[in-house]
N, C-alpha and C. Protein backbone atom coordinates (compact mmCIF):
# COMPACT_ATOMS: atom_id res chain seq x y z
N UNK A 1 26.58 -59.55 -43.11
CA UNK A 1 25.97 -58.23 -42.98
C UNK A 1 25.74 -57.94 -41.50
N UNK A 2 26.16 -56.81 -41.05
CA UNK A 2 25.91 -56.41 -39.68
C UNK A 2 24.58 -55.67 -39.61
N UNK A 3 23.78 -56.05 -38.64
CA UNK A 3 22.49 -55.43 -38.44
C UNK A 3 22.59 -54.34 -37.39
N UNK A 4 21.61 -53.47 -37.42
CA UNK A 4 21.46 -52.50 -36.35
C UNK A 4 20.67 -53.17 -35.24
N UNK A 5 20.93 -52.74 -34.03
CA UNK A 5 20.21 -53.24 -32.87
C UNK A 5 19.53 -52.08 -32.17
N UNK A 6 18.24 -52.22 -31.95
CA UNK A 6 17.49 -51.23 -31.20
C UNK A 6 16.99 -51.86 -29.92
N UNK A 7 17.05 -51.09 -28.84
CA UNK A 7 16.56 -51.57 -27.56
C UNK A 7 15.57 -50.57 -26.99
N UNK A 8 14.43 -51.09 -26.59
CA UNK A 8 13.38 -50.29 -25.98
C UNK A 8 13.17 -50.83 -24.58
N UNK A 9 13.25 -49.96 -23.59
CA UNK A 9 12.97 -50.36 -22.21
C UNK A 9 11.80 -49.55 -21.70
N UNK A 10 10.82 -50.27 -21.15
CA UNK A 10 9.61 -49.63 -20.63
C UNK A 10 9.21 -50.29 -19.33
N UNK A 11 8.33 -49.64 -18.61
CA UNK A 11 7.74 -50.23 -17.42
C UNK A 11 6.48 -50.97 -17.82
N UNK A 12 6.41 -52.26 -17.50
CA UNK A 12 5.20 -53.04 -17.72
C UNK A 12 5.25 -53.91 -18.95
N UNK A 13 4.84 -55.17 -18.78
CA UNK A 13 4.86 -56.13 -19.89
C UNK A 13 3.84 -55.76 -20.96
N UNK A 14 2.64 -55.36 -20.55
CA UNK A 14 1.61 -55.02 -21.54
C UNK A 14 2.02 -53.81 -22.36
N UNK A 15 2.70 -52.86 -21.74
CA UNK A 15 3.21 -51.69 -22.47
C UNK A 15 4.25 -52.14 -23.49
N UNK A 16 5.14 -53.05 -23.08
CA UNK A 16 6.18 -53.54 -23.98
C UNK A 16 5.57 -54.27 -25.17
N UNK A 17 4.55 -55.08 -24.95
CA UNK A 17 3.91 -55.80 -26.05
C UNK A 17 3.23 -54.83 -27.02
N UNK A 18 2.52 -53.85 -26.49
CA UNK A 18 1.87 -52.85 -27.35
C UNK A 18 2.91 -52.08 -28.16
N UNK A 19 4.02 -51.70 -27.52
CA UNK A 19 5.07 -50.95 -28.20
C UNK A 19 5.75 -51.82 -29.26
N UNK A 20 6.02 -53.07 -28.95
CA UNK A 20 6.65 -53.99 -29.91
C UNK A 20 5.73 -54.21 -31.11
N UNK A 21 4.44 -54.33 -30.87
CA UNK A 21 3.48 -54.49 -31.95
C UNK A 21 3.53 -53.28 -32.89
N UNK A 22 3.57 -52.11 -32.31
CA UNK A 22 3.67 -50.89 -33.11
C UNK A 22 4.97 -50.86 -33.91
N UNK A 23 6.06 -51.27 -33.29
CA UNK A 23 7.37 -51.26 -33.95
C UNK A 23 7.37 -52.12 -35.20
N UNK A 24 6.88 -53.34 -35.08
CA UNK A 24 6.92 -54.25 -36.23
C UNK A 24 5.89 -53.90 -37.30
N UNK A 25 4.87 -53.16 -36.93
CA UNK A 25 3.89 -52.71 -37.92
C UNK A 25 4.39 -51.48 -38.69
N UNK A 26 5.32 -50.74 -38.11
CA UNK A 26 5.80 -49.51 -38.74
C UNK A 26 7.10 -49.67 -39.52
N UNK A 27 7.82 -50.76 -39.31
CA UNK A 27 9.11 -50.90 -39.99
C UNK A 27 9.46 -52.38 -40.12
N UNK A 28 10.33 -52.65 -41.08
CA UNK A 28 10.79 -54.01 -41.34
C UNK A 28 11.90 -54.36 -40.35
N UNK A 29 11.50 -54.84 -39.17
CA UNK A 29 12.44 -55.24 -38.12
C UNK A 29 12.04 -56.59 -37.57
N UNK A 30 12.98 -57.23 -36.91
CA UNK A 30 12.72 -58.49 -36.22
C UNK A 30 12.82 -58.26 -34.72
N UNK A 31 11.95 -58.90 -33.97
CA UNK A 31 12.08 -58.90 -32.53
C UNK A 31 13.01 -60.05 -32.19
N UNK A 32 14.17 -59.72 -31.65
CA UNK A 32 15.19 -60.73 -31.33
C UNK A 32 15.02 -61.31 -29.94
N UNK A 33 14.40 -60.56 -29.07
CA UNK A 33 14.20 -61.04 -27.71
C UNK A 33 13.46 -60.03 -26.87
N UNK A 34 12.92 -60.52 -25.79
CA UNK A 34 12.26 -59.70 -24.78
C UNK A 34 12.81 -60.16 -23.45
N UNK A 35 13.17 -59.21 -22.61
CA UNK A 35 13.71 -59.58 -21.31
C UNK A 35 13.07 -58.71 -20.23
N UNK A 36 13.05 -59.22 -19.03
CA UNK A 36 12.44 -58.52 -17.89
C UNK A 36 13.47 -58.31 -16.79
N UNK A 37 13.27 -57.26 -16.04
CA UNK A 37 14.13 -56.95 -14.92
C UNK A 37 13.31 -56.18 -13.88
N UNK A 38 13.86 -55.99 -12.72
CA UNK A 38 13.19 -55.21 -11.68
C UNK A 38 13.64 -53.76 -11.78
N UNK A 39 12.72 -52.82 -11.58
CA UNK A 39 13.11 -51.41 -11.59
C UNK A 39 13.92 -51.07 -10.33
N UNK A 40 14.60 -49.95 -10.38
CA UNK A 40 15.43 -49.53 -9.25
C UNK A 40 14.62 -49.42 -7.96
N UNK A 41 13.36 -49.01 -8.07
CA UNK A 41 12.51 -48.85 -6.88
C UNK A 41 11.96 -50.19 -6.37
N UNK A 42 12.21 -51.26 -7.11
CA UNK A 42 11.74 -52.58 -6.67
C UNK A 42 10.23 -52.65 -6.55
N UNK A 43 9.76 -53.30 -5.50
CA UNK A 43 8.32 -53.47 -5.29
C UNK A 43 7.60 -52.16 -4.98
N UNK A 44 8.34 -51.11 -4.66
CA UNK A 44 7.73 -49.81 -4.38
C UNK A 44 7.38 -49.05 -5.65
N UNK A 45 7.87 -49.54 -6.80
CA UNK A 45 7.58 -48.88 -8.07
C UNK A 45 6.11 -49.02 -8.42
N UNK A 46 5.57 -48.04 -9.10
CA UNK A 46 4.16 -48.10 -9.53
C UNK A 46 3.93 -49.31 -10.43
N UNK A 47 4.89 -49.60 -11.29
CA UNK A 47 4.86 -50.79 -12.14
C UNK A 47 6.17 -51.52 -11.86
N UNK A 48 6.13 -52.61 -11.10
CA UNK A 48 7.37 -53.24 -10.64
C UNK A 48 8.03 -54.19 -11.65
N UNK A 49 8.09 -53.76 -12.91
CA UNK A 49 8.71 -54.60 -13.93
C UNK A 49 9.24 -53.73 -15.07
N UNK A 50 10.50 -53.88 -15.39
CA UNK A 50 11.10 -53.24 -16.55
C UNK A 50 11.21 -54.31 -17.63
N UNK A 51 10.75 -53.98 -18.83
CA UNK A 51 10.81 -54.92 -19.94
C UNK A 51 11.63 -54.30 -21.06
N UNK A 52 12.56 -55.09 -21.60
CA UNK A 52 13.38 -54.64 -22.72
C UNK A 52 13.01 -55.46 -23.95
N UNK A 53 12.73 -54.76 -25.04
CA UNK A 53 12.46 -55.38 -26.33
C UNK A 53 13.66 -55.10 -27.21
N UNK A 54 14.22 -56.16 -27.81
CA UNK A 54 15.41 -56.03 -28.66
C UNK A 54 15.00 -56.24 -30.11
N UNK A 55 15.28 -55.26 -30.96
CA UNK A 55 14.89 -55.27 -32.37
C UNK A 55 16.11 -55.23 -33.26
N UNK A 56 16.05 -55.88 -34.41
CA UNK A 56 17.16 -55.81 -35.36
C UNK A 56 16.64 -55.53 -36.76
N UNK A 57 17.53 -55.00 -37.59
CA UNK A 57 17.20 -54.70 -38.98
C UNK A 57 18.15 -53.66 -39.52
N UNK A 58 17.80 -53.09 -40.64
CA UNK A 58 18.58 -51.99 -41.21
C UNK A 58 18.43 -50.77 -40.30
N UNK A 59 19.46 -49.92 -40.28
CA UNK A 59 19.48 -48.78 -39.35
C UNK A 59 18.21 -47.93 -39.46
N UNK A 60 17.84 -47.53 -40.67
CA UNK A 60 16.67 -46.67 -40.84
C UNK A 60 15.40 -47.35 -40.33
N UNK A 61 15.28 -48.65 -40.56
CA UNK A 61 14.11 -49.37 -40.09
C UNK A 61 14.07 -49.47 -38.57
N UNK A 62 15.21 -49.72 -37.97
CA UNK A 62 15.27 -49.81 -36.51
C UNK A 62 14.95 -48.44 -35.89
N UNK A 63 15.48 -47.38 -36.49
CA UNK A 63 15.16 -46.03 -35.99
C UNK A 63 13.66 -45.77 -36.06
N UNK A 64 13.04 -46.11 -37.19
CA UNK A 64 11.59 -45.90 -37.34
C UNK A 64 10.80 -46.76 -36.36
N UNK A 65 11.24 -47.99 -36.17
CA UNK A 65 10.56 -48.89 -35.24
C UNK A 65 10.64 -48.37 -33.81
N UNK A 66 11.83 -47.91 -33.41
CA UNK A 66 11.99 -47.37 -32.06
C UNK A 66 11.12 -46.13 -31.84
N UNK A 67 11.04 -45.29 -32.85
CA UNK A 67 10.22 -44.08 -32.75
C UNK A 67 8.74 -44.46 -32.58
N UNK A 68 8.27 -45.39 -33.40
CA UNK A 68 6.87 -45.83 -33.30
C UNK A 68 6.60 -46.50 -31.96
N UNK A 69 7.53 -47.33 -31.51
CA UNK A 69 7.37 -48.02 -30.23
C UNK A 69 7.32 -47.03 -29.08
N UNK A 70 8.20 -46.04 -29.11
CA UNK A 70 8.22 -45.05 -28.04
C UNK A 70 6.91 -44.27 -27.99
N UNK A 71 6.41 -43.86 -29.15
CA UNK A 71 5.15 -43.11 -29.18
C UNK A 71 4.00 -43.94 -28.62
N UNK A 72 3.98 -45.22 -28.94
CA UNK A 72 2.93 -46.10 -28.42
C UNK A 72 3.04 -46.24 -26.90
N UNK A 73 4.26 -46.44 -26.42
CA UNK A 73 4.47 -46.59 -24.98
C UNK A 73 4.05 -45.33 -24.22
N UNK A 74 4.28 -44.17 -24.83
CA UNK A 74 3.93 -42.91 -24.17
C UNK A 74 2.43 -42.72 -23.98
N UNK A 75 1.63 -43.53 -24.66
CA UNK A 75 0.19 -43.49 -24.45
C UNK A 75 -0.18 -44.08 -23.09
N UNK A 76 0.75 -44.84 -22.50
CA UNK A 76 0.45 -45.55 -21.25
C UNK A 76 1.29 -45.11 -20.06
N UNK A 77 2.54 -44.70 -20.31
CA UNK A 77 3.46 -44.39 -19.21
C UNK A 77 4.18 -43.08 -19.51
N UNK A 78 4.73 -42.42 -18.47
CA UNK A 78 5.41 -41.14 -18.68
C UNK A 78 6.74 -41.30 -19.44
N UNK A 79 7.18 -40.21 -20.03
CA UNK A 79 8.39 -40.23 -20.87
C UNK A 79 9.63 -40.72 -20.13
N UNK A 80 9.74 -40.42 -18.84
CA UNK A 80 10.93 -40.87 -18.11
C UNK A 80 10.93 -42.38 -17.84
N UNK A 81 9.84 -43.06 -18.22
CA UNK A 81 9.77 -44.51 -18.06
C UNK A 81 9.96 -45.25 -19.39
N UNK A 82 10.36 -44.50 -20.43
CA UNK A 82 10.59 -45.07 -21.76
C UNK A 82 12.01 -44.73 -22.19
N UNK A 83 12.79 -45.74 -22.48
CA UNK A 83 14.18 -45.52 -22.91
C UNK A 83 14.44 -46.30 -24.19
N UNK A 84 15.11 -45.64 -25.13
CA UNK A 84 15.50 -46.32 -26.36
C UNK A 84 16.99 -46.12 -26.59
N UNK A 85 17.59 -47.08 -27.24
CA UNK A 85 18.99 -46.93 -27.66
C UNK A 85 19.20 -47.71 -28.94
N UNK A 86 20.20 -47.28 -29.69
CA UNK A 86 20.47 -47.87 -31.00
C UNK A 86 21.96 -48.11 -31.15
N UNK A 87 22.29 -49.30 -31.62
CA UNK A 87 23.66 -49.61 -32.01
C UNK A 87 23.59 -49.81 -33.52
N UNK A 88 24.18 -48.91 -34.31
CA UNK A 88 24.02 -48.97 -35.75
C UNK A 88 24.59 -50.23 -36.42
N UNK A 89 25.63 -50.79 -35.84
CA UNK A 89 26.24 -51.98 -36.45
C UNK A 89 26.73 -52.90 -35.33
N UNK A 90 25.95 -53.91 -35.05
CA UNK A 90 26.26 -54.82 -33.96
C UNK A 90 27.33 -55.82 -34.42
N UNK A 91 28.28 -56.10 -33.56
CA UNK A 91 29.28 -57.12 -33.86
C UNK A 91 28.58 -58.46 -34.03
N UNK A 92 28.99 -59.26 -35.03
CA UNK A 92 28.30 -60.53 -35.31
C UNK A 92 28.16 -61.45 -34.10
N UNK A 93 29.12 -61.50 -33.23
CA UNK A 93 29.03 -62.37 -32.07
C UNK A 93 28.00 -61.96 -31.05
N UNK A 94 27.47 -60.75 -31.17
CA UNK A 94 26.47 -60.27 -30.21
C UNK A 94 25.07 -60.81 -30.48
N UNK A 95 24.74 -61.09 -31.72
CA UNK A 95 23.37 -61.48 -32.06
C UNK A 95 22.87 -62.69 -31.27
N UNK A 96 23.66 -63.75 -31.09
CA UNK A 96 23.15 -64.89 -30.31
C UNK A 96 22.84 -64.54 -28.85
N UNK A 97 23.47 -63.50 -28.33
CA UNK A 97 23.23 -63.12 -26.94
C UNK A 97 21.88 -62.44 -26.73
N UNK A 98 21.29 -61.94 -27.80
CA UNK A 98 20.06 -61.18 -27.67
C UNK A 98 18.87 -62.00 -27.21
N UNK A 99 18.92 -63.30 -27.43
CA UNK A 99 17.80 -64.14 -27.01
C UNK A 99 17.96 -64.64 -25.58
N UNK A 100 19.10 -64.36 -24.95
CA UNK A 100 19.30 -64.74 -23.55
C UNK A 100 18.44 -63.85 -22.66
N UNK A 101 17.84 -64.42 -21.66
CA UNK A 101 17.04 -63.63 -20.74
C UNK A 101 16.01 -64.48 -20.04
N UNK A 102 15.16 -63.83 -19.31
CA UNK A 102 14.13 -64.53 -18.52
C UNK A 102 12.95 -64.99 -19.37
N UNK A 103 12.66 -64.27 -20.46
CA UNK A 103 11.54 -64.61 -21.32
C UNK A 103 12.05 -65.52 -22.41
N UNK A 104 11.53 -66.74 -22.48
CA UNK A 104 11.99 -67.74 -23.44
C UNK A 104 10.91 -68.04 -24.47
N UNK A 105 11.34 -68.31 -25.71
CA UNK A 105 10.42 -68.77 -26.73
C UNK A 105 10.12 -70.24 -26.48
N UNK A 106 8.87 -70.61 -26.60
CA UNK A 106 8.49 -72.00 -26.44
C UNK A 106 8.40 -72.64 -27.82
N UNK A 107 9.01 -73.79 -27.94
CA UNK A 107 8.96 -74.52 -29.20
C UNK A 107 7.89 -75.59 -29.07
N UNK A 108 6.99 -75.58 -30.00
CA UNK A 108 5.90 -76.59 -29.99
C UNK A 108 6.33 -77.81 -30.76
N UNK A 109 6.05 -78.95 -30.20
CA UNK A 109 6.43 -80.22 -30.87
C UNK A 109 5.39 -80.64 -31.87
C-alpha cells in the first residue's frame, strides 16, 4: 500500500512540535521524521531554524493533519513562514529516507 506523505515546514522547533501535536490529534497519521535546516537569512532570521515535520497516512488524513498543523503554527508565526506540501502516493522506496536527517530517534536499552 502506498501512503500519502505530508510535509510541514515552519520556523522554530517549538512551533513544529506544537503543530505536529495538533496534526496527530486531528487525524490518523504517523510522524515519520523531523528535520532541521537553516533559513535563507541564516543567523539574521528572527527565528534561525527551519523545521520540517514529515507525516504519513491515508490522503484524507494527511490533508486534515496538515490543515490542523498549519492552523496551529499560524498562532505563533506569520503565514509566509508556514509551508505545507502533499504527495498523494509516495513511491515505496522513499519511506526509509524520511527518517534521515539531523533529528534522530533515541533507542532506550
